[in-house]
N, C-alpha and C. Protein backbone atom coordinates (compact mmCIF):
# COMPACT_ATOMS: atom_id res chain seq x y z
N MET A 1 4.37 10.84 -16.83
CA MET A 1 5.55 10.34 -17.09
C MET A 1 6.28 10.80 -18.38
N ARG A 2 5.40 11.72 -19.00
CA ARG A 2 5.92 12.16 -20.36
C ARG A 2 7.34 13.02 -20.05
N LEU A 3 7.34 13.66 -18.94
CA LEU A 3 8.42 14.57 -18.58
C LEU A 3 9.62 13.80 -18.43
N LEU A 4 9.45 12.62 -17.69
CA LEU A 4 10.65 11.75 -17.41
C LEU A 4 11.15 11.04 -18.72
N GLU A 5 10.25 10.69 -19.62
CA GLU A 5 10.68 10.15 -20.87
C GLU A 5 11.57 11.26 -21.67
N LEU A 6 10.99 12.39 -21.67
CA LEU A 6 11.86 13.50 -22.41
C LEU A 6 13.12 13.73 -21.80
N LEU A 7 13.17 13.72 -20.44
CA LEU A 7 14.41 13.98 -19.80
C LEU A 7 15.31 12.79 -20.08
N GLU A 8 14.80 11.61 -20.19
CA GLU A 8 15.68 10.44 -20.54
C GLU A 8 16.42 10.57 -21.69
N THR A 9 15.81 11.18 -22.77
CA THR A 9 16.48 11.43 -24.09
C THR A 9 17.56 12.47 -23.93
N LEU A 10 17.37 13.38 -23.03
CA LEU A 10 18.38 14.47 -22.89
C LEU A 10 19.50 14.00 -22.03
N ASP A 11 19.30 13.37 -20.84
CA ASP A 11 20.21 12.96 -19.99
C ASP A 11 19.79 11.75 -19.03
N PRO A 12 20.09 10.53 -19.48
CA PRO A 12 19.62 9.28 -18.84
C PRO A 12 19.89 9.29 -17.43
N ALA A 13 21.07 9.81 -16.91
CA ALA A 13 21.58 9.63 -15.52
C ALA A 13 20.61 10.57 -14.72
N GLU A 14 20.20 11.87 -15.09
CA GLU A 14 19.35 12.71 -14.41
C GLU A 14 18.01 12.03 -14.36
N ALA A 15 17.51 11.46 -15.41
CA ALA A 15 16.27 10.82 -15.38
C ALA A 15 16.06 9.77 -14.47
N ALA A 16 17.25 8.89 -14.30
CA ALA A 16 17.27 7.78 -13.41
C ALA A 16 17.13 8.31 -11.97
N LEU A 17 17.88 9.45 -11.74
CA LEU A 17 17.80 10.05 -10.34
C LEU A 17 16.36 10.40 -9.98
N ALA A 18 15.79 11.12 -10.88
CA ALA A 18 14.34 11.64 -10.63
C ALA A 18 13.44 10.46 -10.55
N ARG A 19 13.60 9.43 -11.43
CA ARG A 19 12.73 8.30 -11.35
C ARG A 19 12.91 7.54 -10.02
N GLY A 20 14.15 7.52 -9.58
CA GLY A 20 14.49 6.85 -8.28
C GLY A 20 13.78 7.52 -7.05
N CYS A 21 13.28 8.68 -7.15
CA CYS A 21 12.50 9.45 -6.07
C CYS A 21 10.99 9.06 -6.14
N LEU A 22 10.65 8.22 -7.15
CA LEU A 22 9.15 7.97 -7.16
C LEU A 22 8.79 6.67 -6.16
N PRO A 23 7.77 6.72 -5.51
CA PRO A 23 7.36 5.50 -4.76
C PRO A 23 6.97 4.33 -5.68
N ARG A 24 7.34 3.21 -5.19
CA ARG A 24 7.00 1.95 -5.86
C ARG A 24 5.94 1.22 -5.17
N CYS A 25 5.08 0.34 -5.77
CA CYS A 25 4.06 -0.46 -5.11
C CYS A 25 4.80 -1.78 -4.69
N ASP A 26 5.62 -1.57 -3.73
CA ASP A 26 6.19 -2.80 -2.97
C ASP A 26 6.46 -2.35 -1.52
N SER A 27 7.42 -3.10 -0.85
CA SER A 27 7.53 -2.94 0.53
C SER A 27 8.22 -1.61 0.83
N THR A 28 8.79 -0.99 -0.14
CA THR A 28 9.39 0.37 0.09
C THR A 28 8.48 1.49 -0.15
N PHE A 29 7.14 1.27 -0.29
CA PHE A 29 6.28 2.23 -0.70
C PHE A 29 6.19 3.46 0.31
N GLY A 30 6.15 3.17 1.48
CA GLY A 30 6.13 4.24 2.53
C GLY A 30 7.25 5.22 2.45
N ALA A 31 8.39 4.63 2.37
CA ALA A 31 9.63 5.39 2.36
C ALA A 31 9.77 6.16 1.10
N GLY A 32 9.43 5.61 -0.05
CA GLY A 32 9.38 6.17 -1.31
C GLY A 32 8.36 7.36 -1.35
N LEU A 33 7.23 7.16 -0.74
CA LEU A 33 6.16 8.31 -0.81
C LEU A 33 6.78 9.43 0.06
N ALA A 34 7.39 9.17 1.30
CA ALA A 34 7.89 10.20 2.05
C ALA A 34 9.03 10.98 1.32
N LEU A 35 9.97 10.19 0.62
CA LEU A 35 10.98 10.82 -0.12
C LEU A 35 10.50 11.74 -1.20
N PHE A 36 9.46 11.28 -1.93
CA PHE A 36 8.94 12.05 -3.11
C PHE A 36 8.32 13.29 -2.58
N LEU A 37 7.56 13.17 -1.40
CA LEU A 37 6.92 14.40 -0.91
C LEU A 37 7.82 15.41 -0.39
N ALA A 38 8.95 14.84 0.16
CA ALA A 38 9.99 15.81 0.61
C ALA A 38 10.76 16.52 -0.55
N VAL A 39 11.16 15.75 -1.67
CA VAL A 39 11.76 16.35 -2.63
C VAL A 39 11.04 17.21 -3.60
N SER A 40 9.69 17.00 -3.61
CA SER A 40 8.76 17.83 -4.42
C SER A 40 8.17 18.91 -3.69
N GLU A 41 8.55 19.19 -2.51
CA GLU A 41 7.85 20.28 -1.70
C GLU A 41 8.13 21.62 -2.36
N GLU A 42 9.11 21.81 -3.13
CA GLU A 42 9.30 23.06 -3.85
C GLU A 42 8.80 23.00 -5.33
N GLY A 43 8.07 21.95 -5.59
CA GLY A 43 7.48 21.79 -6.95
C GLY A 43 8.36 20.84 -7.78
N CYS A 44 8.09 20.85 -9.08
CA CYS A 44 8.67 19.90 -10.12
C CYS A 44 10.21 20.14 -10.11
N ARG A 45 10.67 21.40 -10.04
CA ARG A 45 11.93 21.73 -10.17
C ARG A 45 12.89 21.20 -8.99
N GLY A 46 12.24 21.23 -7.76
CA GLY A 46 12.78 20.53 -6.61
C GLY A 46 12.97 19.13 -6.79
N TRP A 47 11.96 18.48 -7.38
CA TRP A 47 12.06 17.02 -7.58
C TRP A 47 13.13 16.60 -8.59
N LEU A 48 13.23 17.37 -9.77
CA LEU A 48 14.16 17.08 -10.77
C LEU A 48 15.51 17.52 -10.47
N GLY A 49 15.76 18.65 -9.70
CA GLY A 49 17.04 19.17 -9.35
C GLY A 49 17.42 20.17 -10.52
N ASP A 50 18.36 21.14 -10.16
CA ASP A 50 18.47 22.18 -11.02
C ASP A 50 19.16 21.97 -12.43
N GLU A 51 19.92 20.88 -12.52
CA GLU A 51 20.59 20.63 -13.84
C GLU A 51 19.55 20.03 -14.71
N ALA A 52 18.65 19.13 -14.28
CA ALA A 52 17.66 18.49 -15.15
C ALA A 52 16.52 19.36 -15.46
N ALA A 53 16.16 20.34 -14.51
CA ALA A 53 15.21 21.35 -14.74
C ALA A 53 15.76 22.30 -15.95
N ALA A 54 17.02 22.67 -15.72
CA ALA A 54 17.61 23.56 -16.73
C ALA A 54 17.49 23.04 -18.14
N LEU A 55 17.91 21.64 -18.27
CA LEU A 55 17.89 20.92 -19.57
C LEU A 55 16.38 21.02 -20.20
N LEU A 56 15.39 20.81 -19.34
CA LEU A 56 14.04 20.78 -19.90
C LEU A 56 13.50 22.19 -20.11
N ALA A 57 13.87 23.14 -19.24
CA ALA A 57 13.47 24.52 -19.51
C ALA A 57 14.07 25.14 -20.85
N GLY A 58 15.27 24.64 -21.17
CA GLY A 58 15.83 24.99 -22.47
C GLY A 58 15.08 24.60 -23.67
N LEU A 59 14.17 23.78 -23.65
CA LEU A 59 13.43 23.23 -24.72
C LEU A 59 12.20 24.11 -25.04
N ASP A 60 11.56 24.51 -24.06
CA ASP A 60 10.24 25.19 -24.30
C ASP A 60 10.13 26.46 -23.26
N GLY A 61 11.26 26.88 -22.73
CA GLY A 61 11.21 28.11 -21.84
C GLY A 61 10.54 27.66 -20.48
N GLY A 62 10.39 26.47 -20.18
CA GLY A 62 9.88 26.10 -18.85
C GLY A 62 8.37 25.75 -18.86
N LEU A 63 7.70 25.64 -20.03
CA LEU A 63 6.21 25.42 -20.00
C LEU A 63 5.91 24.03 -19.54
N LEU A 64 6.71 23.06 -19.86
CA LEU A 64 6.42 21.75 -19.30
C LEU A 64 6.66 21.51 -17.84
N LEU A 65 7.76 22.26 -17.36
CA LEU A 65 7.97 22.32 -15.90
C LEU A 65 6.78 22.93 -15.20
N ASP A 66 6.21 24.07 -15.74
CA ASP A 66 5.13 24.80 -15.26
C ASP A 66 3.84 23.79 -15.24
N GLU A 67 3.67 23.09 -16.30
CA GLU A 67 2.51 22.25 -16.26
C GLU A 67 2.76 21.06 -15.14
N CYS A 68 3.98 20.66 -15.02
CA CYS A 68 4.28 19.63 -13.91
C CYS A 68 4.00 20.28 -12.57
N ASP A 69 4.36 21.51 -12.43
CA ASP A 69 4.05 22.13 -11.14
C ASP A 69 2.45 22.16 -10.80
N ARG A 70 1.78 22.52 -11.82
CA ARG A 70 0.38 22.41 -11.61
C ARG A 70 -0.17 21.18 -11.22
N ALA A 71 0.47 20.14 -11.90
CA ALA A 71 0.01 18.73 -11.55
C ALA A 71 0.44 18.33 -10.09
N LEU A 72 1.45 18.97 -9.58
CA LEU A 72 1.72 18.47 -8.24
C LEU A 72 1.31 19.36 -7.15
N THR A 73 0.58 20.36 -7.61
CA THR A 73 0.11 21.26 -6.54
C THR A 73 -1.26 20.70 -5.91
N PRO A 74 -1.26 20.63 -4.70
CA PRO A 74 -2.46 20.06 -4.00
C PRO A 74 -3.67 20.95 -4.33
N ARG A 75 -4.86 20.29 -4.37
CA ARG A 75 -6.14 21.02 -4.59
C ARG A 75 -7.06 20.72 -3.54
N PHE A 76 -7.94 21.66 -3.24
CA PHE A 76 -8.97 21.42 -2.24
C PHE A 76 -10.29 20.95 -3.01
N GLN A 77 -10.87 19.84 -2.56
CA GLN A 77 -11.96 19.37 -3.20
C GLN A 77 -13.18 18.82 -2.19
N PRO A 78 -14.29 19.23 -2.46
CA PRO A 78 -15.41 18.62 -1.55
C PRO A 78 -15.80 17.27 -2.09
N VAL A 79 -15.94 16.35 -1.16
CA VAL A 79 -16.43 14.99 -1.57
C VAL A 79 -17.24 14.46 -0.44
N ASP A 80 -18.43 14.05 -0.75
CA ASP A 80 -19.33 13.43 0.30
C ASP A 80 -19.51 14.30 1.50
N GLY A 81 -19.60 15.59 1.38
CA GLY A 81 -19.89 16.51 2.39
C GLY A 81 -18.72 17.01 3.29
N ARG A 82 -17.54 16.46 2.91
CA ARG A 82 -16.31 16.81 3.59
C ARG A 82 -15.22 17.60 2.59
N MET A 83 -14.38 18.40 3.04
CA MET A 83 -13.38 19.05 2.20
C MET A 83 -12.11 18.11 2.35
N TRP A 84 -11.52 18.10 1.23
CA TRP A 84 -10.21 17.17 1.26
C TRP A 84 -9.14 18.01 0.53
N ARG A 85 -7.86 17.81 0.94
CA ARG A 85 -6.79 18.43 0.34
C ARG A 85 -6.25 17.09 -0.52
N VAL A 86 -6.13 17.29 -1.77
CA VAL A 86 -5.90 16.17 -2.66
C VAL A 86 -4.67 16.45 -3.39
N LEU A 87 -3.67 15.48 -3.39
CA LEU A 87 -2.32 15.65 -4.07
C LEU A 87 -2.20 14.40 -4.90
N ARG A 88 -1.74 14.50 -6.17
CA ARG A 88 -1.46 13.44 -7.12
C ARG A 88 0.00 13.15 -7.03
N VAL A 89 0.34 11.88 -6.81
CA VAL A 89 1.80 11.40 -6.73
C VAL A 89 2.04 10.39 -7.91
N PRO A 90 2.99 10.61 -8.72
CA PRO A 90 3.28 9.60 -9.70
C PRO A 90 3.99 8.43 -9.03
N LEU A 91 3.64 7.26 -9.65
CA LEU A 91 4.21 6.08 -9.12
C LEU A 91 5.34 5.57 -10.03
N GLN A 92 6.37 4.80 -9.63
CA GLN A 92 7.39 4.39 -10.52
C GLN A 92 6.83 3.16 -11.24
N ASP A 93 7.19 3.05 -12.66
CA ASP A 93 6.80 1.93 -13.42
C ASP A 93 5.33 1.81 -13.37
N SER A 94 4.62 2.83 -13.42
CA SER A 94 3.07 2.87 -13.56
C SER A 94 2.59 3.94 -14.30
N ALA A 95 1.63 3.74 -15.13
CA ALA A 95 0.99 4.65 -15.93
C ALA A 95 0.03 5.50 -15.11
N ALA A 96 -0.52 4.89 -14.08
CA ALA A 96 -1.42 5.54 -13.13
C ALA A 96 -0.68 5.98 -11.87
N GLY A 97 -1.24 7.08 -11.32
CA GLY A 97 -0.59 7.64 -10.18
C GLY A 97 -1.31 7.33 -8.82
N LEU A 98 -0.94 7.96 -7.83
CA LEU A 98 -1.53 7.71 -6.58
C LEU A 98 -2.19 8.97 -6.10
N LEU A 99 -3.46 8.91 -5.53
CA LEU A 99 -4.09 10.17 -5.01
C LEU A 99 -3.90 10.05 -3.46
N CYS A 100 -3.47 11.06 -2.93
CA CYS A 100 -3.24 11.20 -1.48
C CYS A 100 -4.04 12.38 -0.95
N ALA A 101 -5.06 12.03 -0.15
CA ALA A 101 -6.03 13.01 0.32
C ALA A 101 -5.95 13.16 1.95
N THR A 102 -6.10 14.29 2.43
CA THR A 102 -6.15 14.40 3.88
C THR A 102 -7.43 15.27 4.14
N SER A 103 -8.15 15.07 5.18
CA SER A 103 -9.36 15.72 5.56
C SER A 103 -9.05 17.10 6.02
N VAL A 104 -9.86 18.06 5.68
CA VAL A 104 -9.73 19.41 6.02
C VAL A 104 -10.96 19.79 6.88
N ASP A 105 -10.82 20.13 8.15
CA ASP A 105 -11.90 20.47 9.14
C ASP A 105 -11.86 21.86 9.57
N ASP A 106 -13.01 22.49 9.58
CA ASP A 106 -13.05 23.88 10.18
C ASP A 106 -12.86 23.73 11.70
N GLY A 107 -12.01 24.70 12.22
CA GLY A 107 -11.87 24.60 13.67
C GLY A 107 -10.96 23.56 14.23
N LEU A 108 -11.18 23.23 15.43
CA LEU A 108 -10.43 22.15 16.09
C LEU A 108 -11.11 20.91 15.67
N ALA A 109 -10.32 19.76 15.18
CA ALA A 109 -10.82 18.58 14.92
C ALA A 109 -10.35 17.52 15.82
N ASP A 110 -11.16 16.64 16.10
CA ASP A 110 -10.62 15.58 17.16
C ASP A 110 -10.21 14.27 16.42
N ALA A 111 -10.33 14.29 15.08
CA ALA A 111 -9.94 13.08 14.29
C ALA A 111 -9.25 13.75 12.97
N PHE A 112 -8.41 12.93 12.40
CA PHE A 112 -7.66 13.33 11.11
C PHE A 112 -7.69 12.10 10.23
N THR A 113 -8.08 12.25 9.01
CA THR A 113 -8.23 11.20 8.10
C THR A 113 -7.29 11.23 6.73
N VAL A 114 -6.73 10.19 6.42
CA VAL A 114 -5.92 10.27 5.20
C VAL A 114 -6.43 9.08 4.37
N VAL A 115 -6.57 9.43 2.98
CA VAL A 115 -7.06 8.44 1.99
C VAL A 115 -5.88 8.44 0.94
N LEU A 116 -5.55 7.07 0.62
CA LEU A 116 -4.75 6.78 -0.49
C LEU A 116 -5.49 6.02 -1.48
N GLN A 117 -5.38 6.37 -2.78
CA GLN A 117 -6.18 5.66 -3.80
C GLN A 117 -5.12 5.32 -4.97
N ALA A 118 -5.15 4.22 -5.47
CA ALA A 118 -4.37 3.79 -6.52
C ALA A 118 -4.96 2.79 -7.40
N ARG A 119 -4.52 2.68 -8.63
CA ARG A 119 -5.12 1.55 -9.50
C ARG A 119 -3.85 0.71 -10.11
N PRO A 120 -3.25 -0.03 -9.19
CA PRO A 120 -2.12 -0.78 -9.84
C PRO A 120 -2.76 -1.90 -10.75
N GLU A 121 -1.87 -2.23 -11.76
CA GLU A 121 -2.42 -3.12 -12.93
C GLU A 121 -2.75 -4.51 -12.36
N ARG A 122 -2.04 -5.01 -11.35
CA ARG A 122 -2.34 -6.48 -10.95
C ARG A 122 -3.38 -6.43 -10.00
N LEU A 123 -3.76 -5.50 -9.20
CA LEU A 123 -4.72 -5.57 -8.23
C LEU A 123 -6.03 -4.82 -8.66
N GLY A 124 -5.96 -3.90 -9.58
CA GLY A 124 -7.17 -3.01 -9.87
C GLY A 124 -7.18 -1.88 -8.76
N ALA A 125 -8.39 -1.29 -8.76
CA ALA A 125 -8.51 -0.21 -7.79
C ALA A 125 -8.38 -0.53 -6.33
N VAL A 126 -7.58 0.25 -5.60
CA VAL A 126 -7.34 0.00 -4.16
C VAL A 126 -7.48 1.37 -3.44
N GLN A 127 -8.15 1.41 -2.28
CA GLN A 127 -8.38 2.54 -1.45
C GLN A 127 -8.08 2.17 0.00
N LEU A 128 -7.23 2.96 0.55
CA LEU A 128 -6.88 2.85 1.98
C LEU A 128 -7.33 4.23 2.71
N MET A 129 -8.06 3.97 3.82
CA MET A 129 -8.50 5.10 4.60
C MET A 129 -8.09 4.95 6.01
N ALA A 130 -7.30 5.86 6.56
CA ALA A 130 -6.82 5.80 7.94
C ALA A 130 -7.36 6.99 8.70
N THR A 131 -7.88 6.81 9.88
CA THR A 131 -8.29 7.78 10.77
C THR A 131 -7.66 7.65 12.04
N VAL A 132 -7.15 8.83 12.50
CA VAL A 132 -6.44 8.96 13.73
C VAL A 132 -7.25 9.74 14.65
N ALA A 133 -7.70 9.29 15.91
CA ALA A 133 -8.21 10.16 16.87
C ALA A 133 -7.61 9.79 18.34
N ALA A 134 -7.01 10.80 18.89
CA ALA A 134 -6.33 10.55 20.13
C ALA A 134 -5.41 9.41 20.01
N ARG A 135 -5.43 8.40 20.70
CA ARG A 135 -4.69 7.26 20.67
C ARG A 135 -5.07 5.97 19.90
N ARG A 136 -6.06 6.29 19.04
CA ARG A 136 -6.69 5.27 18.23
C ARG A 136 -6.46 5.45 16.68
N LEU A 137 -6.18 4.28 15.96
CA LEU A 137 -5.89 4.37 14.59
C LEU A 137 -6.88 3.30 13.93
N ASP A 138 -7.65 3.77 13.14
CA ASP A 138 -8.74 2.78 12.38
C ASP A 138 -8.42 2.97 10.90
N VAL A 139 -8.14 1.79 10.41
CA VAL A 139 -7.61 1.63 8.94
C VAL A 139 -8.69 0.78 8.24
N THR A 140 -9.18 1.33 6.97
CA THR A 140 -10.04 0.37 6.11
C THR A 140 -9.34 0.25 4.91
N LEU A 141 -9.16 -0.85 4.41
CA LEU A 141 -8.49 -1.21 3.05
C LEU A 141 -9.59 -1.84 2.19
N ARG A 142 -9.85 -1.25 0.99
CA ARG A 142 -10.76 -1.94 0.16
C ARG A 142 -10.27 -1.94 -1.17
N ALA A 143 -10.38 -3.12 -1.75
CA ALA A 143 -9.77 -3.52 -3.08
C ALA A 143 -10.93 -4.06 -4.02
N ALA A 144 -10.69 -3.67 -5.40
CA ALA A 144 -11.58 -4.23 -6.37
C ALA A 144 -11.56 -5.79 -6.53
N SER A 145 -10.34 -6.27 -6.35
CA SER A 145 -10.24 -7.74 -6.46
C SER A 145 -9.95 -8.32 -4.97
N GLY A 146 -10.30 -9.59 -4.76
CA GLY A 146 -10.14 -10.12 -3.50
C GLY A 146 -8.72 -10.35 -3.17
N LEU A 147 -8.34 -10.35 -1.87
CA LEU A 147 -6.89 -10.52 -1.50
C LEU A 147 -6.78 -12.04 -1.10
N PRO A 148 -5.68 -12.66 -1.29
CA PRO A 148 -5.48 -14.05 -0.83
C PRO A 148 -5.54 -14.13 0.76
N ALA A 149 -5.94 -15.23 1.31
CA ALA A 149 -6.22 -15.37 2.76
C ALA A 149 -4.88 -15.27 3.48
N GLU A 150 -3.79 -15.75 3.01
CA GLU A 150 -2.57 -15.66 3.57
C GLU A 150 -2.05 -14.18 3.67
N LEU A 151 -2.29 -13.45 2.63
CA LEU A 151 -2.03 -11.98 2.67
C LEU A 151 -2.87 -11.26 3.64
N LEU A 152 -4.14 -11.64 3.66
CA LEU A 152 -5.05 -10.97 4.76
C LEU A 152 -4.47 -11.22 6.27
N ALA A 153 -4.10 -12.54 6.37
CA ALA A 153 -3.57 -12.87 7.72
C ALA A 153 -2.40 -12.09 8.08
N ASP A 154 -1.41 -11.96 7.09
CA ASP A 154 -0.22 -11.14 7.26
C ASP A 154 -0.57 -9.67 7.53
N LEU A 155 -1.54 -9.13 6.88
CA LEU A 155 -1.93 -7.67 7.13
C LEU A 155 -2.44 -7.48 8.51
N HIS A 156 -3.29 -8.43 8.91
CA HIS A 156 -3.86 -8.25 10.25
C HIS A 156 -2.72 -8.44 11.37
N GLU A 157 -1.90 -9.38 11.10
CA GLU A 157 -0.87 -9.66 12.19
C GLU A 157 0.19 -8.41 12.15
N GLY A 158 0.45 -7.90 11.09
CA GLY A 158 1.45 -6.75 10.92
C GLY A 158 0.71 -5.57 11.58
N PHE A 159 -0.53 -5.31 11.38
CA PHE A 159 -1.25 -4.25 11.90
C PHE A 159 -1.30 -4.33 13.45
N ARG A 160 -1.63 -5.49 14.02
CA ARG A 160 -1.72 -5.57 15.41
C ARG A 160 -0.33 -5.37 16.00
N ALA A 161 0.66 -5.82 15.34
CA ALA A 161 2.16 -5.65 15.90
C ALA A 161 2.53 -4.22 15.89
N ALA A 162 2.06 -3.48 14.81
CA ALA A 162 2.36 -2.10 14.70
C ALA A 162 1.61 -1.30 15.81
N LEU A 163 0.40 -1.64 16.00
CA LEU A 163 -0.45 -0.91 17.11
C LEU A 163 0.23 -1.20 18.51
N ALA A 164 0.64 -2.37 18.73
CA ALA A 164 1.32 -2.77 20.06
C ALA A 164 2.53 -2.00 20.15
N ASP A 165 3.39 -1.88 19.17
CA ASP A 165 4.68 -1.19 19.15
C ASP A 165 4.43 0.36 19.55
N CYS A 166 3.33 0.90 18.94
CA CYS A 166 3.02 2.32 19.17
C CYS A 166 2.19 2.50 20.32
N ARG A 167 1.73 1.59 21.04
CA ARG A 167 0.80 1.58 22.18
C ARG A 167 -0.46 2.31 21.79
N LEU A 168 -1.05 1.87 20.66
CA LEU A 168 -2.21 2.45 20.14
C LEU A 168 -3.32 1.44 20.14
N ASP A 169 -4.53 1.95 20.25
CA ASP A 169 -5.78 1.07 19.92
C ASP A 169 -6.13 1.14 18.50
N GLY A 170 -6.92 0.37 18.03
CA GLY A 170 -7.34 0.52 16.62
C GLY A 170 -7.91 -0.78 16.02
N SER A 171 -8.30 -0.52 14.75
CA SER A 171 -8.79 -1.91 14.09
C SER A 171 -8.52 -1.62 12.55
N LEU A 172 -8.37 -2.85 11.92
CA LEU A 172 -8.09 -2.94 10.46
C LEU A 172 -9.33 -3.69 9.89
N THR A 173 -9.95 -3.07 8.93
CA THR A 173 -11.04 -3.66 8.15
C THR A 173 -10.65 -3.77 6.75
N VAL A 174 -10.79 -5.06 6.16
CA VAL A 174 -10.59 -5.26 4.81
C VAL A 174 -11.78 -5.73 4.10
N GLY A 175 -12.10 -5.21 2.97
CA GLY A 175 -13.30 -5.55 2.30
C GLY A 175 -13.41 -5.10 0.81
N PRO A 176 -14.47 -5.32 0.14
CA PRO A 176 -14.61 -5.04 -1.21
C PRO A 176 -14.69 -3.54 -1.52
N LEU A 177 -14.45 -3.07 -2.61
CA LEU A 177 -14.44 -1.61 -2.94
C LEU A 177 -15.69 -1.20 -3.37
N ALA A 178 -16.62 -1.97 -3.82
CA ALA A 178 -17.92 -1.68 -4.43
C ALA A 178 -18.75 -0.62 -3.53
N GLY A 179 -19.06 0.57 -4.06
CA GLY A 179 -19.72 1.50 -3.37
C GLY A 179 -19.00 2.35 -2.41
N ALA A 180 -17.77 2.08 -2.24
CA ALA A 180 -17.10 2.79 -1.22
C ALA A 180 -15.98 3.81 -1.70
N TRP A 181 -15.76 3.77 -3.07
CA TRP A 181 -14.67 4.60 -3.75
C TRP A 181 -15.15 6.04 -3.55
N LEU A 182 -14.22 6.91 -2.93
CA LEU A 182 -14.39 8.36 -2.90
C LEU A 182 -14.00 9.02 -4.27
N GLY A 183 -14.89 9.81 -4.72
CA GLY A 183 -14.66 10.45 -6.04
C GLY A 183 -13.65 11.61 -6.05
N LEU A 184 -12.40 11.25 -5.49
CA LEU A 184 -11.36 12.28 -5.30
C LEU A 184 -10.72 12.75 -6.63
N ASP A 185 -10.80 12.01 -7.56
CA ASP A 185 -10.11 12.32 -8.98
C ASP A 185 -11.01 12.78 -9.90
N ASP A 186 -12.25 13.13 -9.69
CA ASP A 186 -13.27 13.53 -10.62
C ASP A 186 -12.80 14.84 -11.33
N THR A 187 -12.26 15.77 -10.70
CA THR A 187 -11.97 16.99 -11.38
C THR A 187 -10.33 17.30 -11.39
N LEU A 188 -9.58 16.20 -11.22
CA LEU A 188 -8.10 16.44 -11.18
C LEU A 188 -7.64 16.04 -12.59
N THR A 189 -7.56 17.12 -13.47
CA THR A 189 -7.22 16.84 -14.78
C THR A 189 -5.93 17.59 -15.31
N SER A 190 -5.20 18.09 -14.24
CA SER A 190 -3.99 18.85 -14.81
C SER A 190 -2.71 18.06 -14.61
N ASP A 191 -2.79 16.64 -14.51
CA ASP A 191 -1.63 15.96 -14.32
C ASP A 191 -1.03 15.24 -15.66
N LEU A 192 -1.30 15.93 -16.71
CA LEU A 192 -0.80 15.34 -18.04
C LEU A 192 0.65 15.21 -18.09
N ALA A 193 1.38 16.27 -17.53
CA ALA A 193 2.88 16.28 -17.65
C ALA A 193 3.48 15.16 -16.85
N LEU A 194 2.86 14.64 -15.85
CA LEU A 194 3.35 13.51 -15.02
C LEU A 194 3.45 12.24 -15.86
């Protein structure tokens, strides 16, 4: 977030636009994540836009933007015998970011797995793993802290409704995080600019 704080001193309006592209930990999370991934496909400059990037590049010749590009670049990382494509996504109003990992399989794979990891202040560490195989979607949500019973009921009801709408089979499992955290962030150290 250092980059956005610096941009805010140069041009608050441009900083607000860039910050508005970040996903939030609320009901808009999915749309925010999709928006950020789309606008940052060309790297940091694509996310910030030409004018904001030019302002920042004028300060240090683009070094901070290059550092941000490195932070946004997906990395391939082996964890628990599988290869993962790992991307760090900054979150709005949060010092911690989101790790988004997708499984990478050699040859033809009959299943595809996505893992999202975050450490929101109110909940602590949270990991969501979703595996798609043919017409089946299995989701496992693990949290460091327990979730209220009414929230669990809402999650299960919403998941069943989504499966029915999409004509999919599947299951939702919710449980404790202990022993299930994938060490996807062990070597991701180049995100200082974010």
